[in-house]
């Protein structure tokens, strides 16, 4: 078959069957797109794992998005430990410490070396659980030439092991540590941050807000085996689409489609 005949068949195919031509072009585009996506996944070293939606970055980001209120208390808050002791064994309760920051405009109203602690509903921290998470931290004085600065704290999260994220946890906290937190205690209460919330909800205490910077090391990423499996499926898909498109193109080159003149029959007698 000559090149002229193939070109003629392709031209006739394109003129008489435009929907099939569009379908073939879409197959080619999808095939090239899956090949490109496969190479992007293979070259990327940081791809979040969609099968693990809950990690410590999510929990700490949700914590930084809450309004906190510290009210003076006579003793430490330890309700979560009592609650958990009645529901699980001691080895099922874990504590994880992570670094956060307190806003300088708010924490400056606190007294020096104040220990703050309280229970937070698990759903407010993005955790699917029915129990509370106990959060505690110590506010130390943070002055430089009489000026307050953003205060780094080490917040400790205590709860059931089955409800806290099972991904890599924060490994260190560089905030200032003291030998004893002192004799001042404050009970912690929280609420969702929003313009519709009441402004006088913390009139008897000190309102606090936290800040958190995403740590890429705490994000659950795809493993090498996961990426290899994804690449395999994408390449198989791209080859299948490419074979379908090439089959249609070869069919058009060989068979083509030409219009035929038919004798018109009279409709009348």
Protein backbone atom coordinates (compact mmCIF):
# COMPACT_ATOMS: atom_id res chain seq x y z
CA UNK A 1 0.00 0.00 0.00
CA UNK A 2 1.47 3.34 -1.08
CA UNK A 3 1.87 6.39 1.12
CA UNK A 4 -0.55 8.26 -1.13
CA UNK A 5 -3.24 5.66 -0.55
CA UNK A 6 -2.70 5.75 3.23
CA UNK A 7 -2.98 9.53 3.30
CA UNK A 8 -6.11 9.38 1.18
CA UNK A 9 -7.67 6.82 3.52
CA UNK A 10 -6.82 8.91 6.57
CA UNK A 11 -8.31 12.00 4.96
CA UNK A 12 -11.51 10.17 4.06
CA UNK A 13 -11.71 8.69 7.55
CA UNK A 14 -11.33 12.13 9.16
CA UNK A 15 -13.93 13.76 6.91
CA UNK A 16 -16.60 11.08 7.27
CA UNK A 17 -16.13 10.05 10.90
CA UNK A 18 -15.22 13.13 12.98
CA UNK A 19 -16.51 11.68 16.32
CA UNK A 20 -14.14 8.74 15.96
CA UNK A 21 -11.28 11.11 15.18
CA UNK A 22 -11.97 13.08 18.36
CA UNK A 23 -12.11 9.83 20.35
CA UNK A 24 -8.74 8.75 18.94
CA UNK A 25 -7.15 12.10 19.83
CA UNK A 26 -8.49 11.80 23.39
CA UNK A 27 -6.99 8.33 23.72
CA UNK A 28 -3.59 9.63 22.60
CA UNK A 29 -3.78 12.60 25.00
CA UNK A 30 -4.71 10.38 27.96
CA UNK A 31 -1.93 7.95 27.10
CA UNK A 32 0.73 10.68 27.05
CA UNK A 33 -0.71 12.21 30.24
CA UNK A 34 -0.45 8.94 32.19
CA UNK A 35 3.15 8.44 30.98
CA UNK A 36 4.05 11.95 32.13
CA UNK A 37 2.32 11.42 35.50
CA UNK A 38 4.23 8.18 35.97
CA UNK A 39 7.56 9.96 35.48
CA UNK A 40 6.52 12.77 37.87
CA UNK A 41 5.70 10.26 40.61
CA UNK A 42 8.95 8.41 40.03
CA UNK A 43 11.02 11.62 40.29
CA UNK A 44 9.23 13.07 43.34
CA UNK A 45 10.66 12.40 46.80
CA UNK A 46 7.75 13.87 48.79
CA UNK A 47 4.26 12.60 48.01
CA UNK A 48 1.69 12.52 50.87
CA UNK A 49 0.05 9.15 51.37
CA UNK A 50 -3.71 9.57 50.77
CA UNK A 51 -4.42 6.36 52.69
CA UNK A 52 -3.18 8.04 55.90
CA UNK A 53 -5.24 11.24 56.27
CA UNK A 54 -4.38 11.68 59.97
CA UNK A 55 -0.85 12.57 61.03
CA UNK A 56 0.77 14.85 63.62
CA UNK A 57 0.88 17.78 61.20
CA UNK A 58 -2.91 17.63 60.96
CA UNK A 59 -3.34 17.42 64.75
CA UNK A 60 -0.94 20.29 65.51
CA UNK A 61 -2.41 22.48 62.75
CA UNK A 62 -5.90 21.94 64.18
CA UNK A 63 -4.56 22.78 67.65
CA UNK A 64 -3.15 26.05 66.32
CA UNK A 65 -6.56 26.84 64.82
CA UNK A 66 -8.38 26.78 68.16
CA UNK A 67 -9.08 29.59 70.61
CA UNK A 68 -7.70 28.72 74.05
CA UNK A 69 -8.67 30.08 77.44
CA UNK A 70 -6.56 29.63 80.59
CA UNK A 71 -8.46 30.14 83.83
CA UNK A 72 -6.77 30.08 87.26
CA UNK A 73 -7.07 26.72 89.01
CA UNK A 74 -6.04 25.33 92.37
CA UNK A 75 -4.44 22.15 91.02
CA UNK A 76 -3.41 20.37 87.84
CA UNK A 77 -5.99 18.97 85.47
CA UNK A 78 -5.71 15.18 85.27
CA UNK A 79 -9.19 14.10 84.27
CA UNK A 80 -8.00 12.43 81.09
CA UNK A 81 -5.79 10.07 83.11
CA UNK A 82 -8.64 9.08 85.38
CA UNK A 83 -11.00 8.66 82.43
CA UNK A 84 -8.53 6.57 80.45
CA UNK A 85 -7.65 4.43 83.46
CA UNK A 86 -11.25 3.27 83.60
CA UNK A 87 -11.39 2.47 79.90
CA UNK A 88 -8.00 1.03 79.01
CA UNK A 89 -4.84 -0.46 80.39
CA UNK A 90 -1.96 1.78 81.36
CA UNK A 91 0.13 0.72 78.36
CA UNK A 92 -2.65 1.88 76.03
CA UNK A 93 -2.16 5.51 77.14
CA UNK A 94 0.65 7.44 75.43
CA UNK A 95 2.06 10.96 75.68
CA UNK A 96 3.71 12.89 72.86
CA UNK A 97 5.43 16.28 73.20
CA UNK A 98 5.53 18.75 70.29
CA UNK A 99 6.82 22.31 69.80
CA UNK A 100 4.30 25.13 69.34
CA UNK A 101 4.31 28.91 69.77
CA UNK A 102 2.11 31.25 71.76
CA UNK A 103 1.23 34.66 70.37
CA UNK A 104 3.20 37.39 72.18
CA UNK A 105 0.17 39.72 72.32
CA UNK A 106 -1.82 37.21 74.35
CA UNK A 107 0.55 35.20 76.52
CA UNK A 108 2.12 38.37 77.95
CA UNK A 109 -0.89 38.62 80.27
CA UNK A 110 0.02 35.33 81.95
CA UNK A 111 2.01 35.13 85.13
CA UNK A 112 5.50 33.68 84.99
CA UNK A 113 6.01 29.91 85.04
CA UNK A 114 2.35 28.91 84.82
CA UNK A 115 1.38 25.33 84.02
CA UNK A 116 -1.72 25.08 81.81
CA UNK A 117 -3.63 21.89 81.14
CA UNK A 118 -7.03 20.63 80.15
CA UNK A 119 -9.05 18.21 78.06
CA UNK A 120 -9.88 18.78 74.41
CA UNK A 121 -12.49 16.84 72.47
CA UNK A 122 -10.76 14.55 69.98
CA UNK A 123 -12.91 15.74 67.07
CA UNK A 124 -11.64 19.31 67.49
CA UNK A 125 -8.13 18.01 66.77
CA UNK A 126 -9.17 16.08 63.67
CA UNK A 127 -9.18 12.74 65.48
CA UNK A 128 -11.98 10.23 65.06
CA UNK A 129 -12.44 9.25 68.67
CA UNK A 130 -14.97 9.46 71.47
CA UNK A 131 -12.54 10.36 74.26
CA UNK A 132 -10.76 13.55 75.21
CA UNK A 133 -7.11 14.38 74.59
CA UNK A 134 -5.32 15.95 77.55
CA UNK A 135 -3.05 18.85 76.57
CA UNK A 136 -0.61 20.51 78.97
CA UNK A 137 2.24 23.00 78.69
CA UNK A 138 4.18 25.49 80.80
CA UNK A 139 4.42 29.22 80.08
CA UNK A 140 7.81 30.58 81.16
CA UNK A 141 8.73 34.24 81.22
CA UNK A 142 10.05 35.39 77.84
CA UNK A 143 11.46 38.89 78.03
CA UNK A 144 14.26 40.63 76.17
CA UNK A 145 14.89 44.19 77.35
CA UNK A 146 11.41 44.28 78.80
CA UNK A 147 9.70 43.27 75.51
CA UNK A 148 7.67 40.10 75.05
CA UNK A 149 8.42 37.80 72.12
CA UNK A 150 6.66 34.83 70.57
CA UNK A 151 6.84 32.13 73.20
CA UNK A 152 7.96 28.61 72.24
CA UNK A 153 6.38 25.91 74.34
CA UNK A 154 6.48 22.15 74.60
CA UNK A 155 2.88 20.92 74.53
CA UNK A 156 2.25 17.38 75.76
CA UNK A 157 -0.67 15.43 74.27
CA UNK A 158 -1.90 12.46 76.32
CA UNK A 159 -4.56 10.05 75.15
CA UNK A 160 -5.38 6.54 74.03
CA UNK A 161 -2.80 5.05 71.68
CA UNK A 162 -5.55 3.90 69.30
CA UNK A 163 -6.84 7.47 68.85
CA UNK A 164 -3.60 9.44 68.49
CA UNK A 165 -1.88 9.47 65.07
CA UNK A 166 0.22 6.37 64.47
CA UNK A 167 2.60 8.13 62.07
CA UNK A 168 6.01 9.53 62.97
CA UNK A 169 5.71 11.72 66.06
CA UNK A 170 7.75 14.84 66.90
CA UNK A 171 11.13 13.73 68.22
CA UNK A 172 12.35 16.80 70.09
CA UNK A 173 11.24 20.12 71.53
CA UNK A 174 13.71 22.99 71.89
CA UNK A 175 11.53 25.22 74.05
CA UNK A 176 12.84 26.38 77.40
CA UNK A 177 12.47 23.80 80.12
CA UNK A 178 12.51 24.32 83.86
CA UNK A 179 13.13 21.91 86.68
CA UNK A 180 9.67 22.55 88.15
CA UNK A 181 6.70 24.37 86.64
CA UNK A 182 6.03 26.34 89.82
CA UNK A 183 2.91 26.50 91.90
CA UNK A 184 0.64 28.34 89.43
CA UNK A 185 -1.88 26.29 87.51
CA UNK A 186 -4.52 27.20 84.93
CA UNK A 187 -7.35 25.11 83.53
CA UNK A 188 -7.51 25.01 79.74
CA UNK A 189 -10.72 25.27 77.73
CA UNK A 190 -11.05 25.59 73.96
CA UNK A 191 -13.47 26.58 71.23
CA UNK A 192 -13.49 26.68 67.45
CA UNK A 193 -12.16 29.93 66.07
CA UNK A 194 -14.66 31.97 64.08
CA UNK A 195 -16.27 35.42 63.77
CA UNK A 196 -19.59 34.10 65.07
CA UNK A 197 -18.11 33.00 68.41
CA UNK A 198 -18.89 35.05 71.49
CA UNK A 199 -16.18 37.55 72.43
CA UNK A 200 -16.68 37.33 76.20
CA UNK A 201 -16.24 33.56 76.52
CA UNK A 202 -12.90 33.99 78.36
CA UNK A 203 -13.70 36.99 80.54
CA UNK A 204 -12.45 35.27 83.71
CA UNK A 205 -9.21 34.00 82.21
CA UNK A 206 -6.53 34.72 79.62
CA UNK A 207 -7.15 34.04 75.95
CA UNK A 208 -4.35 32.25 74.13
CA UNK A 209 -3.62 31.42 70.53
CA UNK A 210 -0.98 29.12 69.12
CA UNK A 211 1.01 29.00 65.90
CA UNK A 212 2.47 25.98 64.14
CA UNK A 213 4.74 25.59 61.13
CA UNK A 214 4.26 22.45 59.05
CA UNK A 215 7.05 19.92 59.51
CA UNK A 216 7.48 17.87 56.34
CA UNK A 217 9.17 15.10 58.32
CA UNK A 218 5.89 14.40 60.12
CA UNK A 219 3.85 13.93 56.93
CA UNK A 220 3.16 10.32 55.96
CA UNK A 221 4.57 9.89 52.44
CA UNK A 222 4.41 7.15 49.83
CA UNK A 223 7.01 4.44 50.20
CA UNK A 224 9.25 3.23 47.38
CA UNK A 225 7.06 0.14 47.03
CA UNK A 226 3.91 2.29 46.82
CA UNK A 227 5.42 4.47 44.08
CA UNK A 228 6.57 1.40 42.15
CA UNK A 229 3.06 -0.05 42.24
CA UNK A 230 1.49 3.24 41.13
CA UNK A 231 3.99 3.54 38.26
CA UNK A 232 3.20 -0.01 37.16
CA UNK A 233 -0.53 0.67 37.00
CA UNK A 234 -0.03 3.99 35.20
CA UNK A 235 2.29 2.48 32.59
CA UNK A 236 -0.10 -0.40 31.95
CA UNK A 237 -2.94 2.08 31.52
CA UNK A 238 -0.93 4.28 29.16
CA UNK A 239 0.08 1.28 27.02
CA UNK A 240 -3.51 0.10 26.80
CA UNK A 241 -4.74 3.54 25.70
CA UNK A 242 -1.89 3.88 23.21
CA UNK A 243 -2.62 0.47 21.64
CA UNK A 244 -6.30 1.40 21.25
CA UNK A 245 -5.41 4.70 19.56
CA UNK A 246 -2.86 3.10 17.23
CA UNK A 247 -5.37 0.38 16.29
CA UNK A 248 -7.87 3.01 15.19
CA UNK A 249 -5.18 4.89 13.23
CA UNK A 250 -4.02 1.73 11.41
CA UNK A 251 -7.64 0.85 10.66
CA UNK A 252 -8.13 4.30 9.14
CA UNK A 253 -4.94 3.98 7.07
CA UNK A 254 -5.85 0.55 5.70
CA UNK A 255 -9.62 0.65 5.43
CA UNK A 256 -10.37 4.34 5.20
CA UNK A 257 -13.85 5.63 4.43
CA UNK A 258 -14.98 6.86 1.04
CA UNK A 259 -18.31 8.25 0.01
CA UNK A 260 -20.20 6.34 -2.65
CA UNK A 261 -22.65 7.70 -5.17
CA UNK A 262 -25.96 5.87 -5.12
CA UNK A 263 -28.64 6.13 -7.78
CA UNK A 264 -31.55 8.11 -6.50
CA UNK A 265 -34.85 6.26 -6.87
CA UNK A 266 -37.96 8.27 -7.67
CA UNK A 267 -40.45 8.51 -4.85
CA UNK A 268 -43.46 8.82 -7.09
CA UNK A 269 -45.13 6.19 -9.34
